[in-house]
Protein backbone atom coordinates (compact mmCIF):
# COMPACT_ATOMS: atom_id res chain seq x y z
CA MET A 1 110.62 70.09 143.41
CA ALA A 2 114.05 68.45 143.39
CA LEU A 3 115.87 65.31 144.00
CA GLY A 4 119.07 66.46 145.55
CA ALA A 5 120.07 69.13 143.10
CA ARG A 6 117.77 67.64 140.24
CA VAL A 7 114.21 68.42 139.37
CA ILE A 8 111.68 65.51 139.69
CA GLY A 9 108.83 67.24 138.15
CA GLN A 10 107.94 70.31 136.04
CA ALA A 11 104.68 72.21 137.41
CA PHE A 12 103.18 75.15 135.44
CA ALA A 13 100.10 77.18 135.79
CA CYS A 14 98.29 79.57 133.14
CA PHE A 15 95.31 81.37 132.47
CA THR A 16 92.93 79.45 130.43
CA GLY A 17 89.81 82.05 130.69
CA PRO A 18 89.41 85.62 132.02
CA THR A 19 89.55 84.13 135.48
CA GLN A 20 90.30 80.70 135.06
CA ILE A 21 93.96 78.97 136.12
CA THR A 22 94.71 75.56 134.93
CA ALA A 23 97.79 73.92 136.53
CA TYR A 24 99.94 70.95 134.99
CA TYR A 25 102.61 68.66 136.43
CA VAL A 26 104.78 66.52 134.57
CA PRO A 27 106.84 64.03 136.59
CA ILE A 28 110.27 63.00 135.44
CA ARG A 29 112.36 61.73 138.53
CA HIS A 30 110.04 60.00 141.12
CA VAL A 31 111.41 56.94 142.38
CA GLY A 32 110.13 54.24 144.78
CA GLY A 33 108.00 51.18 144.44
CA HIS A 34 104.73 52.82 144.48
CA ASN A 35 105.91 55.08 141.35
CA GLU A 36 107.43 52.25 139.23
CA CYS A 37 104.06 51.40 137.40
CA GLU A 38 103.44 55.19 136.73
CA PRO A 39 104.67 56.28 133.35
CA GLN A 40 107.13 59.15 133.14
CA LEU A 41 108.47 60.89 130.26
CA PRO A 42 112.21 61.10 129.34
CA VAL A 43 114.13 64.21 130.95
CA ASN A 44 115.36 65.45 127.73
CA LEU A 45 112.10 65.30 126.03
CA VAL A 46 110.37 67.23 128.93
CA SER A 47 113.42 69.74 128.95
CA ALA A 48 112.90 70.43 125.22
CA VAL A 49 109.08 71.21 125.50
CA VAL A 50 109.65 73.45 128.79
CA GLN A 51 112.47 75.15 126.74
CA ARG A 52 109.89 76.02 124.09
CA VAL A 53 107.01 77.01 126.49
CA LEU A 54 109.29 79.36 128.37
CA ASP A 55 110.73 80.84 125.03
CA ALA A 56 107.19 81.53 123.95
CA ALA A 57 106.04 83.24 127.05
CA LYS A 58 105.68 87.02 127.33
CA LEU A 59 106.24 86.95 130.95
CA VAL A 60 107.08 83.77 133.27
CA ILE A 61 106.20 84.15 136.84
CA TYR A 62 108.33 82.59 139.55
CA VAL A 63 108.72 82.16 143.40
CA HIS A 64 112.42 82.43 144.16
CA ALA A 65 113.46 82.43 140.35
CA LYS A 66 117.19 81.96 140.93
CA PHE A 67 116.46 78.76 142.57
CA ASP A 68 114.23 77.49 139.63
CA TRP A 69 116.86 78.84 137.26
CA ALA A 70 119.64 76.68 138.55
CA GLN A 71 117.38 73.60 138.81
CA SER A 72 116.15 73.80 135.24
CA ARG A 73 119.69 74.84 134.02
CA ALA A 74 121.03 71.40 135.18
CA ASP A 75 118.75 69.62 132.51
CA GLY A 76 119.54 72.06 129.69
CA VAL A 77 116.87 74.52 130.30
CA ILE A 78 118.00 78.18 130.32
CA PHE A 79 115.61 81.03 130.63
CA THR A 80 116.26 84.54 129.52
CA GLY A 81 113.04 86.06 128.90
CA ASP A 82 111.10 88.54 131.03
CA PHE A 83 110.03 87.58 134.42
CA GLU A 84 108.56 88.50 137.85
CA ASP A 85 109.06 86.98 141.15
CA VAL A 86 106.22 86.85 143.77
CA THR A 87 108.86 87.07 146.64
CA THR A 88 110.21 90.13 145.37
CA LEU A 89 106.81 91.69 144.65
CA ALA A 90 105.65 90.90 148.04
CA THR A 91 108.73 92.42 149.46
CA ALA A 92 108.32 95.61 147.35
CA GLU A 93 104.68 95.85 148.36
CA ASN A 94 104.98 95.51 152.07
CA GLU A 95 108.29 94.98 153.60
CA ASN A 96 106.96 94.45 156.97
CA GLU A 97 104.88 91.48 155.74
CA PRO A 98 105.00 88.92 158.46
CA ALA A 99 106.20 85.98 156.19
CA PHE A 100 107.29 85.81 152.66
CA ALA A 101 106.98 82.11 152.11
CA LEU A 102 104.67 81.10 149.14
CA LYS A 103 102.06 79.03 151.68
CA LYS A 104 102.09 81.79 154.10
CA LEU A 105 101.26 84.42 151.34
CA ALA A 106 98.71 82.28 149.69
CA ALA A 107 96.94 81.48 153.27
CA LYS A 108 96.76 85.28 153.59
CA TYR A 109 95.62 86.39 150.13
CA CYS A 110 94.21 83.39 148.64
CA THR A 111 92.82 80.57 150.99
CA LYS A 112 93.51 79.78 154.42
CA ASP A 113 93.82 75.96 153.75
CA ALA A 114 97.15 76.94 151.73
CA ALA A 115 98.90 77.07 155.27
CA ASN A 116 98.51 73.37 156.19
CA GLU A 117 98.59 71.61 152.69
CA GLN A 118 102.05 70.39 153.07
CA ASP A 119 101.24 68.46 156.44
CA ALA A 120 99.66 65.43 154.48
CA LEU A 121 102.69 65.16 152.39
CA TYR A 122 105.17 65.64 154.88
CA ASP A 123 103.24 63.07 157.25
CA TRP A 124 103.79 60.40 154.21
CA MET A 125 107.32 61.28 153.84
CA ARG A 126 108.06 61.03 157.79
CA LYS A 127 106.42 57.51 157.58
CA ASP A 128 108.44 56.68 154.47
CA ALA A 129 111.59 57.60 156.30
CA ARG A 130 110.66 55.40 159.38
CA LYS A 131 110.12 52.37 156.85
CA LEU A 132 113.64 52.89 155.29
CA GLY A 133 115.25 53.30 158.82
CA LEU A 134 116.26 57.04 157.94
CA PRO A 135 116.07 60.10 160.32
CA PHE A 136 113.81 62.61 158.49
CA ARG A 137 115.67 66.01 158.31
CA LYS A 138 119.08 65.94 160.48
CA ARG A 139 121.86 63.19 160.16
CA LYS A 140 122.89 61.53 163.29
CA LYS A 141 126.32 62.05 164.61
CA GLU A 142 128.44 58.71 164.90
CA GLN A 143 130.33 57.98 168.28
CA ASP A 144 133.47 59.45 166.54
CA GLY A 145 131.88 62.70 165.78
CA ASN A 146 131.27 62.10 162.05
CA LEU A 147 128.05 62.88 160.67
CA ALA A 148 125.87 59.45 159.63
CA GLU A 149 124.65 58.84 156.12
CA PRO A 150 122.40 61.54 154.61
CA ALA A 151 118.94 61.96 156.06
CA TYR A 152 115.91 61.08 154.16
CA MET A 153 115.18 64.79 152.92
CA GLU A 154 118.97 65.04 151.84
CA ARG A 155 118.65 61.76 149.77
CA PHE A 156 115.17 61.97 148.41
CA ALA A 157 113.19 65.49 149.20
CA PHE A 158 109.75 64.66 147.51
CA ALA A 159 111.04 61.99 144.97
CA ARG A 160 109.62 59.12 146.80
CA THR A 161 106.10 60.70 147.42
CA PRO A 162 103.34 59.27 145.17
CA ILE A 163 103.21 61.03 141.91
CA ALA A 164 99.37 62.03 142.10
CA ALA A 165 99.93 63.27 145.83
CA CYS A 166 103.04 65.37 144.72
CA GLY A 167 101.66 66.48 141.53
CA LYS A 168 98.62 67.97 143.26
CA TYR A 169 100.87 69.79 145.70
CA ALA A 170 102.98 71.09 142.97
CA CYS A 171 99.98 72.51 141.01
CA LYS A 172 98.50 74.14 143.85
CA ASP A 173 101.96 75.78 144.29
CA VAL A 174 102.00 77.30 140.76
CA PHE A 175 98.39 78.18 141.08
CA TYR A 176 99.24 80.42 144.20
CA THR A 177 102.36 81.77 142.32
CA LEU A 178 99.93 83.10 139.30
CA PHE A 179 97.08 84.05 141.56
CA LEU A 180 99.39 86.22 143.80
CA LYS A 181 100.89 87.99 140.83
CA ALA A 182 97.50 88.28 138.90
CA PHE A 183 95.28 89.55 141.83
CA THR A 184 97.50 90.49 144.86
CA TYR A 185 100.35 92.16 143.26
CA ALA A 186 99.06 93.00 139.93
CA HIS A 187 100.12 96.67 140.21
CA THR A 188 103.22 96.11 142.46
CA LYS A 189 105.78 96.73 139.63
CA ASP A 190 104.09 99.86 138.39
CA ARG A 191 104.29 101.33 141.95
CA TRP A 192 107.72 100.23 142.81
CA ALA A 193 109.43 99.81 139.36
CA GLN A 194 112.92 100.68 140.35
CA VAL A 195 113.09 98.39 143.39
CA VAL A 196 111.57 95.22 141.43
CA ASN A 197 113.73 95.90 138.26
CA ARG A 198 116.82 96.24 140.42
CA GLU A 199 116.19 93.04 142.49
CA ASN A 200 115.61 91.13 139.09
CA ALA A 201 118.81 92.36 137.68
CA VAL A 202 120.55 91.35 140.66
CA ALA A 203 118.85 87.95 140.54
CA ARG A 204 120.15 87.30 137.27
CA ILE A 205 123.72 88.19 138.15
CA LEU A 206 123.66 86.01 141.30
CA HIS A 207 122.53 83.11 139.10
CA GLY A 208 125.43 83.69 136.74
CA MET A 209 127.73 83.79 139.68
CA GLU A 210 126.35 80.75 141.28
CA TRP A 211 126.35 78.88 138.24
CA GLU A 212 129.67 79.93 136.46
CA GLY A 213 131.69 80.76 139.41
CA LEU A 214 134.10 83.79 140.10
CA GLU A 215 137.34 84.64 138.34
CA ALA A 216 140.06 84.21 140.91
CA ASP A 217 143.55 85.75 140.81
CA THR A 218 145.52 82.65 141.79
CA GLN A 219 148.86 84.49 141.54
CA LEU A 220 147.82 87.24 144.09
CA ILE A 221 146.35 84.25 146.27
CA GLN A 222 149.73 82.67 146.18
CA ILE A 223 151.58 85.66 147.20
CA GLY A 224 149.06 86.27 149.88
CA ARG A 225 149.62 82.71 151.16
CA ALA A 226 153.29 83.09 151.10
CA SER A 227 153.34 86.30 152.99
CA CYS A 228 151.08 84.86 155.65
CA ARG A 229 153.29 81.89 155.98
CA GLU A 230 156.14 84.11 156.33
CA ARG A 231 154.55 86.22 159.01
CA VAL A 232 153.37 83.26 160.94
């Protein structure tokens, strides 16, 4: 979960028994008066532990790995180990799946309750946005045509939600992620290894491109610019 481009909490799930999954949530950047009395660990301490956990894991399961890499890397956490992405597995297993969002997949293969779990949290955020006098998702346009101040979701996303409620929501997300990998898509990579390996390799390349940027031939750009001006 993110505050703008920053992580507001780290959620993990792992097997603590043959069929038992335990989930954890560590808040680090929650804001708002209702969260002020809740203890939150320093970001650098949490990042160091997260790095150790990822480094020790034989396999890490993500949903949209590239997004998570970028969010965590902003806090100094860099993942280079083996991984699988539930979205990629779902696509490889059935490209005609009606929807590939985590909650949709969880509602279909795990529990129907997953489809509506975000409603309570979003209702809380809409009420909070009204209290703050902010539009929830979309900025309003001013009379001069310019966009108004950022909307609630642009400013805060989930950061103002109560830690307990947000933590429960995040823990369910990582639970579904691990459940889908372990029980729904357990053998997908074996059946579609070429597809999965290719998509995982592309995800790493795209993450590098997004993080580092691309080299540009400035001299060639200037020549093209001068040529275009001359033609105009």
